[in-house]
Protein backbone atom coordinates (compact mmCIF):
# COMPACT_ATOMS: atom_id res chain seq x y z
CA MET A 1 86.47 99.74 111.79
CA HIS A 2 85.20 102.37 114.24
CA GLU A 3 84.53 106.47 113.24
CA HIS A 4 82.61 108.96 114.74
CA THR A 5 82.64 113.03 114.12
CA VAL A 6 84.76 115.19 116.32
CA ARG A 7 84.02 119.04 116.67
CA VAL A 8 86.87 122.02 117.65
CA ARG A 9 86.14 125.16 117.94
CA ILE A 10 89.04 127.70 115.91
CA SER A 11 89.27 131.49 115.23
CA THR A 12 86.77 131.49 112.73
CA GLY A 13 84.10 129.02 114.07
CA THR A 14 83.51 125.76 114.39
CA ILE A 15 84.71 122.63 112.13
CA GLU A 16 83.45 118.97 112.04
CA GLY A 17 85.95 115.99 110.79
CA PHE A 18 85.75 112.87 111.67
CA THR A 19 87.56 110.30 113.89
CA ARG A 20 89.22 106.63 112.67
CA ASN A 21 91.25 104.41 113.99
CA GLY A 22 92.36 106.12 116.72
CA VAL A 23 93.23 109.70 114.88
CA HIS A 24 91.21 112.77 114.25
CA ARG A 25 90.97 113.93 110.89
CA TRP A 26 89.64 118.00 109.76
CA ARG A 27 90.33 118.73 106.11
CA SER A 28 89.95 121.61 103.77
CA ILE A 29 89.88 124.06 106.41
CA PRO A 30 89.81 127.59 104.98
CA TYR A 31 92.65 129.86 106.20
CA ALA A 32 92.67 132.67 103.99
CA LYS A 33 89.68 134.47 102.15
CA PRO A 34 88.84 132.56 99.11
CA PRO A 35 91.49 134.59 96.30
CA VAL A 36 89.23 135.03 92.99
CA GLY A 37 87.86 138.07 91.67
CA PRO A 38 89.34 140.98 92.57
CA ARG A 39 91.17 139.07 94.92
CA ARG A 40 93.27 137.44 92.47
CA TYR A 41 96.61 137.90 92.54
CA ARG A 42 96.75 139.66 95.77
CA LEU A 43 98.07 139.22 99.22
CA PRO A 44 96.09 136.95 101.70
CA VAL A 45 93.92 137.83 103.83
CA PRO A 46 92.78 135.72 106.96
CA ALA A 47 89.28 133.77 106.22
CA ASP A 48 86.11 135.03 107.41
CA PRO A 49 84.28 133.80 110.60
CA TRP A 50 81.13 131.63 109.50
CA PRO A 51 78.12 130.44 111.94
CA GLY A 52 76.97 127.37 113.01
CA VAL A 53 79.53 124.33 111.62
CA ARG A 54 81.59 123.58 109.28
CA TYR A 55 82.34 120.18 108.00
CA CYS A 56 85.81 119.46 107.02
CA HIS A 57 84.80 115.51 107.02
CA GLY A 58 86.82 115.57 103.05
CA PHE A 59 88.64 117.19 100.31
CA THR A 60 88.01 120.30 98.60
CA TYR A 61 89.98 121.73 95.74
CA CYS A 62 93.55 121.85 94.89
CA ALA A 63 95.03 124.51 93.28
CA PRO A 64 94.30 125.46 89.27
CA GLN A 65 96.82 123.10 87.30
CA GLN A 66 96.87 120.29 84.48
CA LYS A 67 94.43 117.57 85.20
CA MET A 68 96.63 114.39 84.96
CA TYR A 69 98.36 115.82 88.03
CA THR A 70 95.35 115.90 90.31
CA LEU A 71 94.84 112.06 90.00
CA THR A 72 93.84 110.84 94.53
CA GLY A 73 93.09 106.70 92.98
CA VAL A 74 92.22 105.16 90.18
CA GLY A 75 90.03 107.21 87.72
CA ARG A 76 89.71 109.77 90.53
CA TYR A 77 90.86 113.52 89.91
CA GLN A 78 90.20 116.09 92.86
CA PRO A 79 88.70 118.83 91.65
CA MET A 80 90.65 122.23 90.73
CA SER A 81 89.96 125.94 91.88
CA GLU A 82 91.18 129.11 92.71
CA ASP A 83 89.42 129.00 96.07
CA CYS A 84 92.04 126.72 97.16
CA LEU A 85 93.54 128.06 100.30
CA THR A 86 92.88 125.41 103.02
CA ILE A 87 94.43 123.59 105.84
CA ASN A 88 94.52 120.02 107.17
CA VAL A 89 95.04 118.94 110.54
CA VAL A 90 95.44 115.09 111.65
CA ALA A 91 95.78 114.75 115.88
CA PRO A 92 96.33 111.24 117.18
CA GLU A 93 93.00 110.69 119.29
CA GLU A 94 94.19 109.71 122.67
CA PRO A 95 98.02 111.47 122.47
CA ASP A 96 101.10 109.02 124.61
CA THR A 97 101.80 111.93 126.60
CA GLU A 98 100.38 114.73 128.27
CA GLY A 99 101.31 118.72 127.40
CA PRO A 100 100.71 119.59 123.77
CA LEU A 101 102.10 117.83 121.03
CA PRO A 102 105.21 119.23 118.78
CA VAL A 103 103.18 119.75 115.06
CA MET A 104 104.63 119.14 111.70
CA PHE A 105 103.76 121.42 109.06
CA PHE A 106 104.17 120.06 105.80
CA ILE A 107 104.64 121.52 102.26
CA HIS A 108 103.64 119.17 99.01
CA GLY A 109 106.12 119.44 96.60
CA GLY A 110 105.35 119.47 92.15
CA GLY A 111 107.84 122.72 90.98
CA TYR A 112 105.69 125.26 92.06
CA ILE A 113 103.08 124.10 89.31
CA MET A 114 101.29 121.06 90.30
CA GLY A 115 100.61 119.07 93.45
CA SER A 116 97.71 119.31 96.41
CA SER A 117 97.84 118.46 100.06
CA ALA A 118 94.95 116.04 98.93
CA THR A 119 97.77 113.50 97.48
CA PRO A 120 96.87 110.14 99.70
CA VAL A 121 100.83 109.62 99.85
CA TYR A 122 101.00 113.11 102.05
CA ASP A 123 97.85 111.65 104.19
CA GLY A 124 99.85 111.71 107.80
CA VAL A 125 97.91 109.48 109.72
CA ALA A 126 101.33 107.86 110.44
CA LEU A 127 103.00 110.49 111.45
CA ALA A 128 100.07 111.51 114.34
CA ARG A 129 100.47 108.09 115.64
CA ARG A 130 103.78 108.75 116.87
CA GLY A 131 102.75 111.67 118.80
CA CYS A 132 102.71 115.03 116.60
CA VAL A 133 99.55 116.77 115.64
CA TYR A 134 100.30 117.06 111.55
CA VAL A 135 99.35 119.65 109.59
CA SER A 136 99.24 120.19 105.60
CA VAL A 137 98.67 122.97 103.54
CA ASN A 138 97.54 123.98 99.64
CA TYR A 139 98.93 127.33 98.57
CA ARG A 140 98.52 128.85 95.11
CA LEU A 141 100.10 127.03 92.39
CA GLY A 142 102.03 127.98 88.36
CA ALA A 143 100.40 131.54 87.34
CA LEU A 144 98.24 132.24 89.79
CA GLY A 145 100.82 131.75 92.91
CA CYS A 146 103.86 131.16 91.55
CA LEU A 147 104.79 133.23 89.06
CA ASP A 148 105.88 136.99 89.45
CA LEU A 149 103.48 139.17 87.99
CA SER A 150 103.65 142.11 90.18
CA SER A 151 105.86 144.03 87.23
CA LEU A 152 102.52 144.12 85.38
CA SER A 153 100.46 145.89 87.88
CA THR A 154 97.91 148.81 87.56
CA ALA A 155 96.04 151.09 89.24
CA GLU A 156 93.25 149.53 87.53
CA HIS A 157 94.18 145.75 87.99
CA PRO A 158 96.95 145.57 91.14
CA ILE A 159 99.06 142.54 91.29
CA ASP A 160 100.95 141.33 94.35
CA GLY A 161 104.29 139.12 93.85
CA ASN A 162 105.60 136.33 95.71
CA LEU A 163 101.37 135.01 96.37
CA PHE A 164 102.49 131.19 97.42
CA LEU A 165 105.38 132.63 99.99
CA ALA A 166 102.75 134.99 101.53
CA ASP A 167 100.09 132.16 101.49
CA LEU A 168 102.65 129.74 103.28
CA VAL A 169 103.15 132.66 106.10
CA LEU A 170 99.55 133.07 106.47
CA ALA A 171 98.95 129.16 106.49
CA LEU A 172 101.67 129.57 109.57
CA ARG A 173 100.13 132.38 111.25
CA TRP A 174 96.78 130.01 111.29
CA VAL A 175 99.11 127.58 112.89
CA ARG A 176 100.04 129.18 115.35
CA GLU A 177 96.80 131.20 116.52
CA ASN A 178 94.76 127.80 116.38
CA ILE A 179 96.80 124.58 116.56
CA ALA A 180 96.47 124.14 120.32
CA VAL A 181 92.43 123.20 119.87
CA PHE A 182 94.39 120.43 117.92
CA GLY A 183 96.25 119.68 120.97
CA GLY A 184 99.36 121.05 119.01
CA ASP A 185 101.99 123.22 120.59
CA PRO A 186 102.29 126.79 119.20
CA ASP A 187 105.43 127.31 120.19
CA ASN A 188 106.85 124.31 118.45
CA VAL A 189 106.17 123.82 114.22
CA THR A 190 108.63 121.61 112.14
CA ILE A 191 108.08 123.00 108.74
CA PHE A 192 109.09 120.21 105.94
CA GLY A 193 108.43 119.89 102.81
CA GLU A 194 110.08 118.00 99.24
CA SER A 195 111.43 119.09 96.14
CA ALA A 196 109.71 122.80 95.67
CA GLY A 197 108.47 122.23 99.05
CA ALA A 198 111.97 121.97 100.25
CA HIS A 199 112.75 124.52 98.31
CA ALA A 200 109.29 127.07 100.20
CA VAL A 201 111.22 125.43 103.52
CA ALA A 202 114.74 126.85 103.25
CA THR A 203 113.03 130.21 101.69
CA LEU A 204 111.14 130.50 104.87
CA MET A 205 114.37 130.65 106.14
CA ALA A 206 114.78 133.76 104.78
CA VAL A 207 111.59 135.28 105.16
CA PRO A 208 111.19 137.71 108.04
CA ALA A 209 107.67 137.78 108.91
CA ALA A 210 108.01 133.90 109.50
CA LYS A 211 109.91 134.84 112.32
CA GLY A 212 108.39 132.59 115.66
CA LEU A 213 106.26 131.06 113.34
CA PHE A 214 108.16 127.82 114.02
CA ALA A 215 111.28 126.00 115.50
CA GLN A 216 112.79 123.57 113.25
CA ALA A 217 112.97 122.81 109.01
CA ILE A 218 113.57 119.72 107.23
CA SER A 219 114.55 120.34 103.69
CA GLN A 220 114.06 117.30 101.61
CA SER A 221 115.69 117.43 97.89
CA PRO A 222 115.38 121.16 97.58
CA ALA A 223 115.91 122.02 94.14
CA SER A 224 118.37 124.51 92.71
CA GLY A 225 117.57 128.01 90.85
CA MET A 226 114.37 128.56 91.40
CA VAL A 227 115.05 132.07 92.89
CA ARG A 228 114.59 134.61 90.43
CA THR A 229 115.90 138.34 91.56
CA ALA A 230 113.34 141.33 90.85
CA GLU A 231 115.30 142.09 87.49
CA ALA A 232 114.88 138.89 86.00
CA ALA A 233 110.81 138.42 87.11
CA PRO A 234 109.72 141.09 84.75
CA ILE A 235 111.55 139.48 81.70
CA PHE A 236 109.58 136.52 82.58
CA ALA A 237 106.39 138.15 83.81
CA GLU A 238 106.62 140.04 79.86
CA GLN A 239 107.08 136.98 78.29
CA PHE A 240 103.56 135.40 79.95
CA ALA A 241 101.53 138.39 78.99
CA GLY A 242 102.91 137.90 75.54
CA LEU A 243 101.49 134.32 75.19
CA LEU A 244 98.43 135.37 76.39
CA GLY A 245 98.05 137.92 73.35
CA ALA A 246 98.85 141.01 75.44
CA SER A 247 101.76 143.25 75.88
CA ALA A 248 103.56 144.28 79.16
CA ARG A 249 100.82 147.65 79.20
CA ASP A 250 97.99 145.97 78.98
CA GLY A 251 99.19 142.32 80.62
CA ALA A 252 97.20 142.75 83.92
CA ALA A 253 94.20 143.05 82.46
CA ALA A 254 94.65 139.69 80.26
CA VAL A 255 95.96 138.09 83.41
CA MET A 256 92.92 138.85 85.17
CA SER A 257 90.33 138.14 82.97
CA ALA A 258 92.02 134.67 81.40
CA ARG A 259 90.60 131.59 83.15
CA PRO A 260 92.59 129.54 85.01
CA ALA A 261 92.92 126.82 82.41
CA GLU A 262 94.41 129.14 79.85
CA LEU A 263 97.04 130.76 82.74
CA VAL A 264 98.08 127.09 83.36
CA THR A 265 98.55 126.58 79.06
CA ALA A 266 100.50 129.70 78.97
CA LEU A 267 102.56 129.05 81.85
CA ASP A 268 103.40 125.22 80.71
CA LYS A 269 104.42 127.02 77.27
CA LEU A 270 106.87 129.49 79.43
CA ILE A 271 108.46 126.70 80.77
CA ALA A 272 109.16 124.43 78.01
CA ARG A 273 110.39 127.78 75.94
CA GLY A 274 112.86 128.30 78.84
CA GLY A 275 114.12 124.80 78.64
CA ARG A 276 114.72 124.17 75.38
CA ASP A 277 116.70 128.20 75.19
CA MET A 278 117.90 128.08 78.63
CA PRO A 279 118.54 125.30 80.28
CA GLY A 280 117.86 125.46 84.19
CA ALA A 281 116.10 128.66 84.30
CA PHE A 282 112.88 128.76 85.46
CA PRO A 283 110.63 130.87 85.65
CA ALA A 284 107.99 129.31 88.53
CA GLY A 285 109.33 130.12 92.85
CA PRO A 286 110.18 133.00 94.72
CA THR A 287 111.40 136.56 93.81
CA SER A 288 114.11 137.81 96.41
CA GLY A 289 114.82 141.50 96.91
CA THR A 290 111.25 142.55 97.62
CA GLU A 291 109.33 142.82 100.65
CA LEU A 292 108.60 139.00 101.83
CA LEU A 293 111.82 137.98 100.59
CA PRO A 294 114.26 140.97 101.25
CA GLU A 295 117.70 138.52 100.11
CA ASP A 296 118.14 135.33 97.62
CA PRO A 297 117.58 132.49 100.84
CA LEU A 298 121.05 131.42 100.30
CA HIS A 299 122.96 134.39 100.79
CA ALA A 300 120.85 135.02 103.94
CA MET A 301 122.38 131.92 105.09
CA ARG A 302 125.61 132.86 104.54
CA THR A 303 125.05 135.25 105.81
CA GLY A 304 123.75 134.58 109.07
CA THR A 305 120.55 137.05 108.39
CA ALA A 306 118.27 133.74 107.73
CA HIS A 307 116.23 132.60 110.61
CA ARG A 308 119.24 130.66 112.75
CA LEU A 309 117.08 126.75 113.81
CA PRO A 310 117.70 123.86 113.59
CA MET A 311 117.30 122.39 110.03
CA ILE A 312 117.79 118.83 108.57
CA VAL A 313 118.94 118.66 104.55
CA GLY A 314 119.39 115.73 102.45
CA THR A 315 118.95 114.24 99.00
CA ASN A 316 118.00 111.27 97.56
CA ALA A 317 120.93 108.81 95.87
CA ASP A 318 119.35 108.51 91.88
CA GLU A 319 117.65 111.70 91.73
CA GLY A 320 117.48 112.58 88.01
CA LYS A 321 116.05 108.98 87.40
CA LEU A 322 112.33 109.67 87.83
CA PHE A 323 112.84 112.84 85.28
CA THR A 324 114.05 110.29 82.55
CA ARG A 325 110.16 109.03 82.36
CA PHE A 326 108.41 111.96 84.16
CA MET A 327 108.78 115.61 83.77
CA GLN A 328 111.51 115.67 81.37
CA LEU A 329 112.77 118.93 82.29
CA LEU A 330 116.35 118.66 83.96
CA PRO A 331 119.45 119.14 81.79
CA MET A 332 120.18 115.07 81.26
CA THR A 333 121.40 114.50 77.89
CA GLU A 334 124.72 115.33 76.41
CA GLN A 335 123.22 118.27 74.36
CA THR A 336 121.31 120.43 76.95
CA ILE A 337 124.23 119.42 80.37
CA GLU A 338 126.39 121.38 77.34
CA MET A 339 123.86 124.57 76.98
CA LEU A 340 123.73 124.22 80.46
CA LEU A 341 127.76 124.59 80.82
CA ALA A 342 127.96 126.84 77.96
CA ASP A 343 128.47 129.97 79.67
CA ALA A 344 131.03 128.56 82.44
CA ASP A 345 134.50 129.39 81.67
CA THR A 346 136.63 125.84 80.51
CA ALA A 347 138.38 125.42 83.54
CA THR A 348 134.46 125.17 85.57
CA ARG A 349 133.09 122.93 82.60
CA ASP A 350 135.80 120.49 82.95
CA ARG A 351 135.91 119.83 86.63
CA ILE A 352 132.18 119.42 86.73
CA VAL A 353 131.81 116.62 83.82
CA GLY A 354 134.92 114.99 84.82
CA ALA A 355 133.51 114.60 88.46
CA TYR A 356 131.25 112.04 86.62
CA PRO A 357 133.99 109.62 84.99
CA ASP A 358 131.86 108.24 82.45
CA TYR A 359 130.66 111.16 80.69
CA PRO A 360 128.84 111.55 78.53
CA SER A 361 126.98 107.89 79.27
CA LYS A 362 123.57 108.32 79.97
CA ARG A 363 124.11 107.30 83.62
CA ALA A 364 126.49 110.08 84.05
CA CYS A 365 124.12 112.82 82.69
CA ILE A 366 121.18 111.26 84.41
CA ARG A 367 123.31 111.91 87.44
CA LEU A 368 124.98 114.82 86.62
CA GLY A 369 121.28 116.05 85.99
CA GLY A 370 120.14 115.15 89.12
CA ASP A 371 122.98 117.29 91.16
CA PHE A 372 122.93 119.74 89.23
CA ALA A 373 118.58 119.89 89.90
CA PHE A 374 118.87 118.61 93.28
CA GLY A 375 122.16 118.15 94.51
CA THR A 376 123.96 121.40 94.23
CA ALA A 377 120.86 123.31 96.20
CA ALA A 378 121.41 121.07 99.47
CA TRP A 379 125.39 120.76 99.65
CA ASP A 380 125.15 124.73 99.69
CA ILE A 381 122.35 124.90 102.08
CA ALA A 382 124.17 123.00 104.71
CA GLN A 383 127.15 124.40 103.76
CA ALA A 384 125.96 128.32 104.52
CA HIS A 385 123.27 127.11 106.93
CA SER A 386 126.26 125.22 109.05
CA MET A 387 128.33 128.13 109.98
CA HIS A 388 125.44 130.06 111.79
CA ALA A 389 122.90 127.04 113.60
CA PRO A 390 122.65 123.72 113.55
CA THR A 391 122.38 121.33 110.56
CA HIS A 392 122.38 117.73 109.49
CA PHE A 393 122.68 116.07 106.55
CA TYR A 394 121.23 112.95 105.10
CA ARG A 395 121.44 110.96 101.74
CA TYR A 396 118.79 108.87 100.70
CA ASP A 397 120.19 105.17 99.09
CA TYR A 398 117.18 102.64 99.88
CA ALA A 399 115.43 100.77 97.08
CA PRO A 400 113.52 98.26 97.58
CA ARG A 401 113.84 95.28 94.11
CA VAL A 402 110.53 96.45 92.63
CA LEU A 403 112.55 100.06 92.29
CA SER A 404 115.28 98.77 91.44
CA TRP A 405 114.52 96.44 89.02
CA SER A 406 111.98 99.25 87.25
CA GLY A 407 115.23 101.43 86.89
CA LEU A 408 114.15 104.49 89.20
CA GLY A 409 115.93 103.24 92.58
CA ALA A 410 116.33 105.42 95.13
CA THR A 411 114.62 108.15 92.85
CA HIS A 412 113.72 111.68 93.67
CA ALA A 413 110.96 111.84 96.03
CA THR A 414 110.78 108.32 97.07
CA GLU A 415 112.20 108.92 100.81
CA LEU A 416 108.32 110.20 101.20
CA LEU A 417 107.20 106.65 101.29
CA ALA A 418 109.45 106.14 104.21
CA VAL A 419 108.33 109.45 106.03
CA PHE A 420 105.23 109.06 105.48
CA GLY A 421 104.90 105.50 106.66
CA ILE A 422 103.42 104.48 103.12
CA TYR A 423 105.76 100.80 103.20
CA ARG A 424 103.34 99.38 105.37
CA THR A 425 99.92 99.98 103.02
CA ARG A 426 99.19 98.35 100.72
CA LEU A 427 100.85 100.41 97.49
CA GLY A 428 103.79 99.37 99.89
CA ALA A 429 102.97 95.62 100.06
CA LEU A 430 103.40 96.06 96.16
CA LEU A 431 106.84 97.90 96.10
CA THR A 432 107.91 95.51 98.25
CA ALA A 433 107.03 92.25 96.62
CA GLY A 434 110.28 91.33 95.65
CA GLY A 435 111.00 90.25 99.40
CA ASP A 436 112.02 93.64 100.94
CA ARG A 437 109.18 94.13 103.88
CA SER A 438 111.47 94.18 106.28
CA SER A 439 113.92 96.30 105.51
CA ALA A 440 111.11 98.94 104.03
CA LYS A 441 109.72 98.34 107.36
CA ARG A 442 113.04 98.97 109.22
CA VAL A 443 114.40 102.42 106.73
CA SER A 444 110.67 103.99 107.71
CA ARG A 445 110.89 103.01 111.44
CA GLU A 446 114.41 105.13 111.54
CA MET A 447 113.05 107.97 109.63
CA GLN A 448 109.87 108.40 111.28
CA THR A 449 112.02 107.93 114.75
CA ARG A 450 114.56 110.86 113.80
CA TRP A 451 111.95 113.03 111.88
CA GLY A 452 109.39 112.71 114.86
CA GLU A 453 112.73 113.57 117.59
CA PHE A 454 114.09 116.43 115.45
CA SER A 455 110.60 117.46 115.69
CA ARG A 456 110.11 117.67 119.69
CA ILE A 457 113.69 118.78 120.68
CA GLY A 458 115.78 120.30 117.24
CA HIS A 459 118.20 117.02 117.59
CA PRO A 460 117.24 114.07 115.25
CA GLY A 461 118.69 111.54 117.81
CA GLU A 462 122.00 109.72 118.68
CA GLY A 463 125.01 108.17 115.78
CA TRP A 464 124.07 111.75 113.48
CA PRO A 465 126.73 114.29 114.60
CA ARG A 466 126.17 118.36 113.03
CA TYR A 467 127.01 118.83 109.74
CA GLU A 468 130.54 120.87 109.95
CA GLN A 469 132.72 121.90 107.30
CA SER A 470 135.55 120.20 108.90
CA MET A 471 133.77 116.60 108.61
CA ARG A 472 130.74 117.12 106.80
CA ALA A 473 128.69 113.74 108.35
CA VAL A 474 126.12 112.48 106.39
CA LEU A 475 123.59 109.78 107.15
CA VAL A 476 122.83 107.34 104.74
CA PHE A 477 119.35 106.05 105.54
CA ASP A 478 119.15 102.05 103.55
CA ARG A 479 119.29 98.50 104.12
CA GLN A 480 121.64 99.88 106.87
CA THR A 481 121.56 102.63 108.19
CA ARG A 482 125.14 104.27 108.47
CA LEU A 483 127.33 107.48 108.58
CA HIS A 484 129.55 108.78 105.82
CA TYR A 485 131.89 111.88 106.11
CA ASP A 486 131.45 113.68 102.97
CA PRO A 487 130.39 110.96 100.85
CA ASP A 488 130.45 112.55 97.77
CA ALA A 489 133.15 115.17 97.51
CA ASP A 490 134.53 115.14 94.38
CA ARG A 491 131.14 115.69 93.03
CA ARG A 492 130.09 118.44 95.51
CA ARG A 493 133.42 120.25 94.80
CA ALA A 494 133.10 120.27 91.34
CA TRP A 495 130.00 122.20 91.18
CA GLU A 496 131.22 125.00 93.78
CA GLY A 497 130.94 128.74 93.15
CA PHE A 498 128.73 127.25 89.65
CA THR A 499 125.56 129.80 89.15
CA LEU A 500 123.38 130.08 86.48
CA ALA A 501 123.16 134.11 87.49
CA ALA A 502 124.89 135.65 84.37
CA ARG A 503 123.07 133.78 82.01
């Protein structure tokens, strides 16, 4: 395995990465000043220049979260720190084409409370080899970045809101300023993400400050119910201060002096309380009605004030099954579903449960919970955005036998295995041990080709028509990729108009 170092000069100084197997990698490049000390809870500002060479061979810190979520290998955990605002770049050593390459900018998921760009699945080498400059980013998570505490702000302890969103905008500005030296085209950036990352992608479509910083967007299984209004945010902030033993009046001092681990624990308690008292309500995520995010993203898409850029959005066939094993936050039992629908009128409640014929069987509850959390967001985004800009919709149905036998199927996040080419790795060999190697590679090749084409020209290739209200074309990725028209019509229509806003 031939390996050597590679250096480039960016706006803040010289960085050294490494080249292995025909691909350059630079890891943990700072794009912002560390948000520590008095900079905690403040909007990000660009990183300071450094003298000499900065070594970017390895990943540094991820954002503070529960340790179990920082696993990067057998018995290996990524260290955590508030000093986590970094970006990674992967580029082909010798691109096949002349001229700058399209840029694919990935935003990781994790419910706005966990995750890291260092997660091995997000490596991005397979995408770079296919002809792009791949960028992945860390942003502030949980109580330090995705919980709006700005209502607690005082003159002594100023606190800004929507910090993670501001982090992502600054990271995109960094890409615009620096990506050319890595061989990327600053005028052709595709943002893509999964789960909370997909939600962040959809949110950036409605952020005026992000205008011109990206050209296309891919939203893989966006989550619903993650935007709160400027009126609702202070309620969560006051409850959070209470969990730290403070009142709203001295909340700012409390959050400024708390250790990161204390903030992580307090947010976990706030989420658990919300899941118990008000299923579907979630305290972490963006706040609308603010300077950075003037409108709810879905409303901005409906009215055409969102960025009118080409977009791919989609969902997985068995979204909810993952959450029967892990982070049991979704309403997926008869009791939590009836609580979720308690404020809906009888006709709406009956229409929703009626779309799941064997409700309240376990299978129907899991499907209903998955649709509430992810399906509704994807359907709503596609409907709203398609009125003003090219929109393509997919459903990911592929599951190798190992995942089917385990009861997970094509559950939440499994499309990442195809998008990132994991089926060609050692992990992929385990997942395809049931005799699915060739079908897994085929699905992976299909998705990577479509994503690559979309990032190059803003269209995902032949045989995938736009999603429009008259036809609702959906490309289904499976052993045999096929086109359907409105395949989940009954379930999609059942949820129309349902909102948690009244709760």
